[in-house]
Amino acid sequence: MAKSTIRRVGVVLKTTSPEAADLGRQLVLELERLGLEPVIDRESAQILDSGDEIEREDLPGLVDLVVVLGGDGTLLSVTRGALGGTPILGINMGTLGFLTEHPAEQLLPMLREVLDGRA
């Protein structure tokens, strides 16, 4: 994936996790710093004090990449809408993640790899 193809990035949080909320705020700031548009689903927007009103399952059809901060359940809540091929970067905010394999401290390095077309 080339860097220039990603303009809008979906942000999905495990809404019961304070750690996911904190990391989500950092992610939104980083996306804005990079000149990208964060698009946040309705549930996560309530946590992040954003006005976005997009249903979680609709998000993949509206963005070029989805970043999920949560666990496998949070990731699965997004996948139905991603059947069209929207890539998903899963960041594990729990203790065990089979599908969300990257730990929280790898969020920004992994995001850079994806945006640079290296992952």
N, C-alpha and C. Protein backbone atom coordinates (compact mmCIF):
# COMPACT_ATOMS: atom_id res chain seq x y z
N MET A 1 0.85 -1.17 0.00
CA MET A 1 0.00 0.00 0.00
C MET A 1 0.90 1.24 0.00
N ALA A 2 0.66 2.12 -0.92
CA ALA A 2 1.46 3.34 -1.03
C ALA A 2 0.95 4.39 -0.04
N LYS A 3 1.88 5.18 0.42
CA LYS A 3 1.55 6.22 1.40
C LYS A 3 0.47 7.16 0.89
N SER A 4 0.53 7.51 -0.38
CA SER A 4 -0.40 8.50 -0.92
C SER A 4 -1.84 8.02 -1.01
N THR A 5 -2.08 6.72 -0.88
CA THR A 5 -3.45 6.22 -1.01
C THR A 5 -4.25 6.36 0.28
N ILE A 6 -3.62 6.62 1.39
CA ILE A 6 -4.33 6.72 2.67
C ILE A 6 -4.54 8.18 3.02
N ARG A 7 -5.80 8.57 3.09
CA ARG A 7 -6.18 9.94 3.44
C ARG A 7 -7.07 9.98 4.69
N ARG A 8 -7.96 9.00 4.77
CA ARG A 8 -8.92 8.94 5.88
C ARG A 8 -8.67 7.65 6.67
N VAL A 9 -8.54 7.80 7.98
CA VAL A 9 -8.23 6.65 8.84
C VAL A 9 -9.33 6.49 9.88
N GLY A 10 -9.95 5.33 9.88
CA GLY A 10 -10.96 5.03 10.88
C GLY A 10 -10.33 4.71 12.22
N VAL A 11 -10.96 5.15 13.28
CA VAL A 11 -10.47 4.90 14.64
C VAL A 11 -11.60 4.23 15.42
N VAL A 12 -11.30 3.03 15.95
CA VAL A 12 -12.28 2.26 16.71
C VAL A 12 -11.65 1.87 18.04
N LEU A 13 -12.36 2.13 19.14
CA LEU A 13 -11.85 1.84 20.47
C LEU A 13 -12.66 0.75 21.16
N LYS A 14 -11.98 0.02 22.04
CA LYS A 14 -12.69 -0.79 23.03
C LYS A 14 -13.19 0.22 24.05
N THR A 15 -14.47 0.46 24.05
CA THR A 15 -15.02 1.60 24.80
C THR A 15 -14.97 1.43 26.31
N THR A 16 -14.71 0.22 26.79
CA THR A 16 -14.62 0.01 28.24
C THR A 16 -13.19 0.10 28.75
N SER A 17 -12.26 0.46 27.88
CA SER A 17 -10.85 0.50 28.25
C SER A 17 -10.33 1.94 28.34
N PRO A 18 -9.98 2.40 29.55
CA PRO A 18 -9.39 3.74 29.67
C PRO A 18 -8.07 3.86 28.90
N GLU A 19 -7.32 2.75 28.84
CA GLU A 19 -6.06 2.76 28.10
C GLU A 19 -6.30 2.97 26.61
N ALA A 20 -7.35 2.32 26.08
CA ALA A 20 -7.68 2.50 24.66
C ALA A 20 -8.10 3.95 24.39
N ALA A 21 -8.82 4.55 25.32
CA ALA A 21 -9.23 5.95 25.16
C ALA A 21 -8.02 6.86 25.13
N ASP A 22 -7.07 6.65 26.04
CA ASP A 22 -5.86 7.47 26.07
C ASP A 22 -5.06 7.32 24.78
N LEU A 23 -4.89 6.06 24.34
CA LEU A 23 -4.15 5.82 23.11
C LEU A 23 -4.90 6.36 21.90
N GLY A 24 -6.23 6.29 21.94
CA GLY A 24 -7.04 6.84 20.86
C GLY A 24 -6.85 8.34 20.70
N ARG A 25 -6.77 9.03 21.82
CA ARG A 25 -6.52 10.48 21.76
C ARG A 25 -5.16 10.77 21.13
N GLN A 26 -4.15 9.98 21.51
CA GLN A 26 -2.81 10.14 20.92
C GLN A 26 -2.85 9.86 19.42
N LEU A 27 -3.58 8.81 19.04
CA LEU A 27 -3.68 8.44 17.63
C LEU A 27 -4.33 9.56 16.82
N VAL A 28 -5.43 10.11 17.31
CA VAL A 28 -6.11 11.19 16.59
C VAL A 28 -5.18 12.38 16.39
N LEU A 29 -4.45 12.75 17.43
CA LEU A 29 -3.49 13.86 17.32
C LEU A 29 -2.41 13.57 16.29
N GLU A 30 -1.90 12.34 16.29
CA GLU A 30 -0.85 11.96 15.34
C GLU A 30 -1.38 11.98 13.91
N LEU A 31 -2.58 11.46 13.70
CA LEU A 31 -3.17 11.48 12.36
C LEU A 31 -3.33 12.91 11.87
N GLU A 32 -3.83 13.78 12.72
CA GLU A 32 -4.00 15.18 12.34
C GLU A 32 -2.66 15.84 12.05
N ARG A 33 -1.65 15.51 12.85
CA ARG A 33 -0.30 16.05 12.64
C ARG A 33 0.24 15.63 11.27
N LEU A 34 -0.12 14.42 10.85
CA LEU A 34 0.34 13.90 9.56
C LEU A 34 -0.52 14.39 8.39
N GLY A 35 -1.54 15.19 8.68
CA GLY A 35 -2.41 15.70 7.63
C GLY A 35 -3.46 14.71 7.16
N LEU A 36 -3.73 13.70 7.98
CA LEU A 36 -4.74 12.70 7.66
C LEU A 36 -6.03 13.01 8.42
N GLU A 37 -7.13 12.52 7.91
CA GLU A 37 -8.42 12.77 8.54
C GLU A 37 -8.85 11.58 9.39
N PRO A 38 -8.90 11.73 10.71
CA PRO A 38 -9.43 10.64 11.54
C PRO A 38 -10.95 10.60 11.43
N VAL A 39 -11.49 9.42 11.25
CA VAL A 39 -12.93 9.21 11.18
C VAL A 39 -13.26 8.21 12.28
N ILE A 40 -14.10 8.62 13.21
CA ILE A 40 -14.32 7.85 14.43
C ILE A 40 -15.75 7.32 14.47
N ASP A 41 -15.89 6.04 14.84
CA ASP A 41 -17.24 5.49 14.93
C ASP A 41 -18.00 6.11 16.10
N ARG A 42 -19.32 5.99 16.07
CA ARG A 42 -20.20 6.64 17.04
C ARG A 42 -19.84 6.29 18.49
N GLU A 43 -19.63 5.01 18.79
CA GLU A 43 -19.32 4.61 20.17
C GLU A 43 -18.00 5.20 20.64
N SER A 44 -16.99 5.13 19.80
CA SER A 44 -15.67 5.66 20.16
C SER A 44 -15.70 7.18 20.24
N ALA A 45 -16.50 7.80 19.38
CA ALA A 45 -16.60 9.27 19.36
C ALA A 45 -17.11 9.80 20.69
N GLN A 46 -18.00 9.06 21.34
CA GLN A 46 -18.50 9.48 22.65
C GLN A 46 -17.37 9.51 23.67
N ILE A 47 -16.47 8.57 23.59
CA ILE A 47 -15.33 8.50 24.51
C ILE A 47 -14.33 9.62 24.22
N LEU A 48 -14.13 9.90 22.93
CA LEU A 48 -13.13 10.88 22.51
C LEU A 48 -13.70 12.29 22.35
N ASP A 49 -14.96 12.48 22.72
CA ASP A 49 -15.62 13.79 22.60
C ASP A 49 -15.57 14.33 21.18
N SER A 50 -15.84 13.44 20.23
CA SER A 50 -15.89 13.81 18.82
C SER A 50 -17.35 13.82 18.39
N GLY A 51 -17.66 14.56 17.37
CA GLY A 51 -19.03 14.64 16.90
C GLY A 51 -19.39 13.61 15.84
N ASP A 52 -18.47 12.70 15.53
CA ASP A 52 -18.74 11.72 14.48
C ASP A 52 -19.92 10.83 14.85
N GLU A 53 -20.76 10.53 13.86
CA GLU A 53 -21.97 9.74 14.07
C GLU A 53 -22.01 8.53 13.13
N ILE A 54 -20.88 7.93 12.88
CA ILE A 54 -20.79 6.82 11.92
C ILE A 54 -20.92 5.50 12.66
N GLU A 55 -21.74 4.62 12.14
CA GLU A 55 -21.89 3.30 12.74
C GLU A 55 -20.60 2.50 12.51
N ARG A 56 -20.23 1.73 13.50
CA ARG A 56 -18.97 0.97 13.45
C ARG A 56 -18.87 0.09 12.21
N GLU A 57 -19.94 -0.60 11.89
CA GLU A 57 -19.88 -1.52 10.74
C GLU A 57 -19.82 -0.78 9.41
N ASP A 58 -20.18 0.49 9.37
CA ASP A 58 -20.11 1.28 8.14
C ASP A 58 -18.74 1.92 7.93
N LEU A 59 -17.96 2.02 8.97
CA LEU A 59 -16.69 2.74 8.94
C LEU A 59 -15.72 2.25 7.85
N PRO A 60 -15.51 0.92 7.70
CA PRO A 60 -14.53 0.49 6.69
C PRO A 60 -14.84 0.94 5.27
N GLY A 61 -16.11 1.14 4.95
CA GLY A 61 -16.47 1.58 3.61
C GLY A 61 -16.22 3.06 3.37
N LEU A 62 -15.89 3.80 4.42
CA LEU A 62 -15.72 5.25 4.31
C LEU A 62 -14.27 5.71 4.45
N VAL A 63 -13.37 4.78 4.76
CA VAL A 63 -11.98 5.15 5.04
C VAL A 63 -11.03 4.27 4.23
N ASP A 64 -9.75 4.64 4.28
CA ASP A 64 -8.71 3.89 3.57
C ASP A 64 -8.00 2.89 4.46
N LEU A 65 -8.13 3.05 5.77
CA LEU A 65 -7.49 2.20 6.77
C LEU A 65 -8.31 2.32 8.04
N VAL A 66 -8.43 1.22 8.79
CA VAL A 66 -9.07 1.27 10.10
C VAL A 66 -8.04 0.84 11.14
N VAL A 67 -7.91 1.62 12.21
CA VAL A 67 -7.06 1.26 13.34
C VAL A 67 -7.99 0.89 14.49
N VAL A 68 -7.85 -0.33 14.98
CA VAL A 68 -8.68 -0.83 16.07
C VAL A 68 -7.82 -0.92 17.33
N LEU A 69 -8.24 -0.21 18.37
CA LEU A 69 -7.55 -0.24 19.66
C LEU A 69 -8.44 -1.01 20.63
N GLY A 70 -8.13 -2.28 20.82
CA GLY A 70 -8.95 -3.11 21.68
C GLY A 70 -8.48 -4.54 21.64
N GLY A 71 -9.41 -5.44 21.64
CA GLY A 71 -9.10 -6.85 21.58
C GLY A 71 -9.74 -7.48 20.36
N ASP A 72 -9.74 -8.80 20.37
CA ASP A 72 -10.29 -9.52 19.24
C ASP A 72 -11.77 -9.21 19.02
N GLY A 73 -12.53 -9.04 20.09
CA GLY A 73 -13.96 -8.71 19.95
C GLY A 73 -14.18 -7.37 19.28
N THR A 74 -13.37 -6.39 19.65
CA THR A 74 -13.48 -5.07 19.04
C THR A 74 -13.13 -5.15 17.56
N LEU A 75 -12.09 -5.91 17.24
CA LEU A 75 -11.69 -6.07 15.85
C LEU A 75 -12.79 -6.76 15.05
N LEU A 76 -13.36 -7.80 15.61
CA LEU A 76 -14.43 -8.52 14.90
C LEU A 76 -15.65 -7.64 14.67
N SER A 77 -15.88 -6.66 15.53
CA SER A 77 -17.04 -5.77 15.35
C SER A 77 -16.89 -4.89 14.11
N VAL A 78 -15.69 -4.80 13.57
CA VAL A 78 -15.41 -3.97 12.40
C VAL A 78 -15.32 -4.79 11.12
N THR A 79 -14.99 -6.07 11.24
CA THR A 79 -14.63 -6.85 10.05
C THR A 79 -15.75 -7.04 9.05
N ARG A 80 -16.99 -7.10 9.47
CA ARG A 80 -18.08 -7.28 8.50
C ARG A 80 -18.09 -6.18 7.46
N GLY A 81 -17.82 -4.97 7.89
CA GLY A 81 -17.80 -3.85 6.96
C GLY A 81 -16.56 -3.78 6.12
N ALA A 82 -15.54 -4.56 6.47
CA ALA A 82 -14.27 -4.52 5.75
C ALA A 82 -14.18 -5.57 4.66
N LEU A 83 -15.29 -6.20 4.34
CA LEU A 83 -15.26 -7.25 3.32
C LEU A 83 -14.83 -6.72 1.97
N GLY A 84 -14.92 -5.42 1.76
CA GLY A 84 -14.49 -4.82 0.51
C GLY A 84 -12.99 -4.66 0.40
N GLY A 85 -12.25 -5.02 1.42
CA GLY A 85 -10.81 -4.99 1.35
C GLY A 85 -10.12 -3.87 2.11
N THR A 86 -10.84 -3.11 2.90
CA THR A 86 -10.21 -2.05 3.69
C THR A 86 -9.26 -2.68 4.70
N PRO A 87 -7.99 -2.27 4.71
CA PRO A 87 -7.05 -2.86 5.67
C PRO A 87 -7.36 -2.42 7.09
N ILE A 88 -7.07 -3.32 8.03
CA ILE A 88 -7.30 -3.07 9.45
C ILE A 88 -6.00 -3.30 10.20
N LEU A 89 -5.61 -2.33 11.02
CA LEU A 89 -4.46 -2.47 11.91
C LEU A 89 -5.01 -2.68 13.31
N GLY A 90 -4.80 -3.88 13.86
CA GLY A 90 -5.31 -4.21 15.18
C GLY A 90 -4.25 -4.05 16.25
N ILE A 91 -4.55 -3.25 17.26
CA ILE A 91 -3.65 -3.02 18.39
C ILE A 91 -4.29 -3.63 19.63
N ASN A 92 -3.60 -4.57 20.25
CA ASN A 92 -4.13 -5.30 21.40
C ASN A 92 -4.04 -4.46 22.66
N MET A 93 -5.17 -4.22 23.28
CA MET A 93 -5.22 -3.45 24.52
C MET A 93 -5.51 -4.36 25.72
N GLY A 94 -5.49 -5.66 25.50
CA GLY A 94 -5.76 -6.60 26.59
C GLY A 94 -4.54 -7.46 26.88
N THR A 95 -4.81 -8.63 27.42
CA THR A 95 -3.70 -9.51 27.79
C THR A 95 -3.39 -10.53 26.71
N LEU A 96 -4.36 -10.90 25.91
CA LEU A 96 -4.15 -11.91 24.88
C LEU A 96 -4.93 -11.50 23.65
N GLY A 97 -4.26 -11.49 22.52
CA GLY A 97 -4.95 -11.15 21.28
C GLY A 97 -4.48 -12.04 20.16
N PHE A 98 -5.37 -12.84 19.63
CA PHE A 98 -5.02 -13.68 18.50
C PHE A 98 -5.08 -12.89 17.20
N LEU A 99 -6.05 -12.00 17.10
CA LEU A 99 -6.24 -11.20 15.88
C LEU A 99 -5.59 -9.83 16.00
N THR A 100 -5.62 -9.27 17.19
CA THR A 100 -4.97 -7.97 17.45
C THR A 100 -3.59 -8.26 18.00
N GLU A 101 -2.65 -8.51 17.10
CA GLU A 101 -1.36 -9.04 17.51
C GLU A 101 -0.35 -8.00 17.97
N HIS A 102 -0.54 -6.75 17.63
CA HIS A 102 0.45 -5.72 17.97
C HIS A 102 0.13 -5.08 19.31
N PRO A 103 1.12 -4.98 20.22
CA PRO A 103 0.87 -4.33 21.51
C PRO A 103 0.76 -2.82 21.37
N ALA A 104 0.18 -2.19 22.37
CA ALA A 104 -0.08 -0.75 22.34
C ALA A 104 1.15 0.08 22.05
N GLU A 105 2.29 -0.30 22.61
CA GLU A 105 3.51 0.49 22.40
C GLU A 105 4.01 0.46 20.96
N GLN A 106 3.46 -0.43 20.14
CA GLN A 106 3.85 -0.50 18.73
C GLN A 106 2.91 0.28 17.81
N LEU A 107 1.91 0.95 18.37
CA LEU A 107 0.93 1.64 17.52
C LEU A 107 1.58 2.62 16.55
N LEU A 108 2.32 3.58 17.04
CA LEU A 108 2.86 4.61 16.15
C LEU A 108 3.90 4.06 15.19
N PRO A 109 4.83 3.18 15.62
CA PRO A 109 5.75 2.58 14.63
C PRO A 109 5.02 1.76 13.56
N MET A 110 4.00 0.99 13.96
CA MET A 110 3.24 0.20 12.98
C MET A 110 2.45 1.10 12.04
N LEU A 111 1.88 2.17 12.58
CA LEU A 111 1.15 3.12 11.74
C LEU A 111 2.08 3.71 10.69
N ARG A 112 3.28 4.09 11.09
CA ARG A 112 4.24 4.64 10.12
C ARG A 112 4.59 3.62 9.05
N GLU A 113 4.76 2.35 9.44
CA GLU A 113 5.06 1.30 8.46
C GLU A 113 3.92 1.16 7.46
N VAL A 114 2.70 1.17 7.95
CA VAL A 114 1.54 1.05 7.05
C VAL A 114 1.47 2.26 6.12
N LEU A 115 1.62 3.45 6.66
CA LEU A 115 1.53 4.66 5.84
C LEU A 115 2.65 4.75 4.82
N ASP A 116 3.80 4.18 5.15
CA ASP A 116 4.94 4.18 4.22
C ASP A 116 4.89 3.01 3.24
N GLY A 117 3.87 2.15 3.36
CA GLY A 117 3.73 1.02 2.45
C GLY A 117 4.64 -0.14 2.79
N ARG A 118 5.14 -0.21 4.02
CA ARG A 118 6.05 -1.29 4.41
C ARG A 118 5.35 -2.39 5.20
N ALA A 119 4.08 -2.25 5.46
CA ALA A 119 3.35 -3.29 6.20
C ALA A 119 1.96 -3.46 5.63
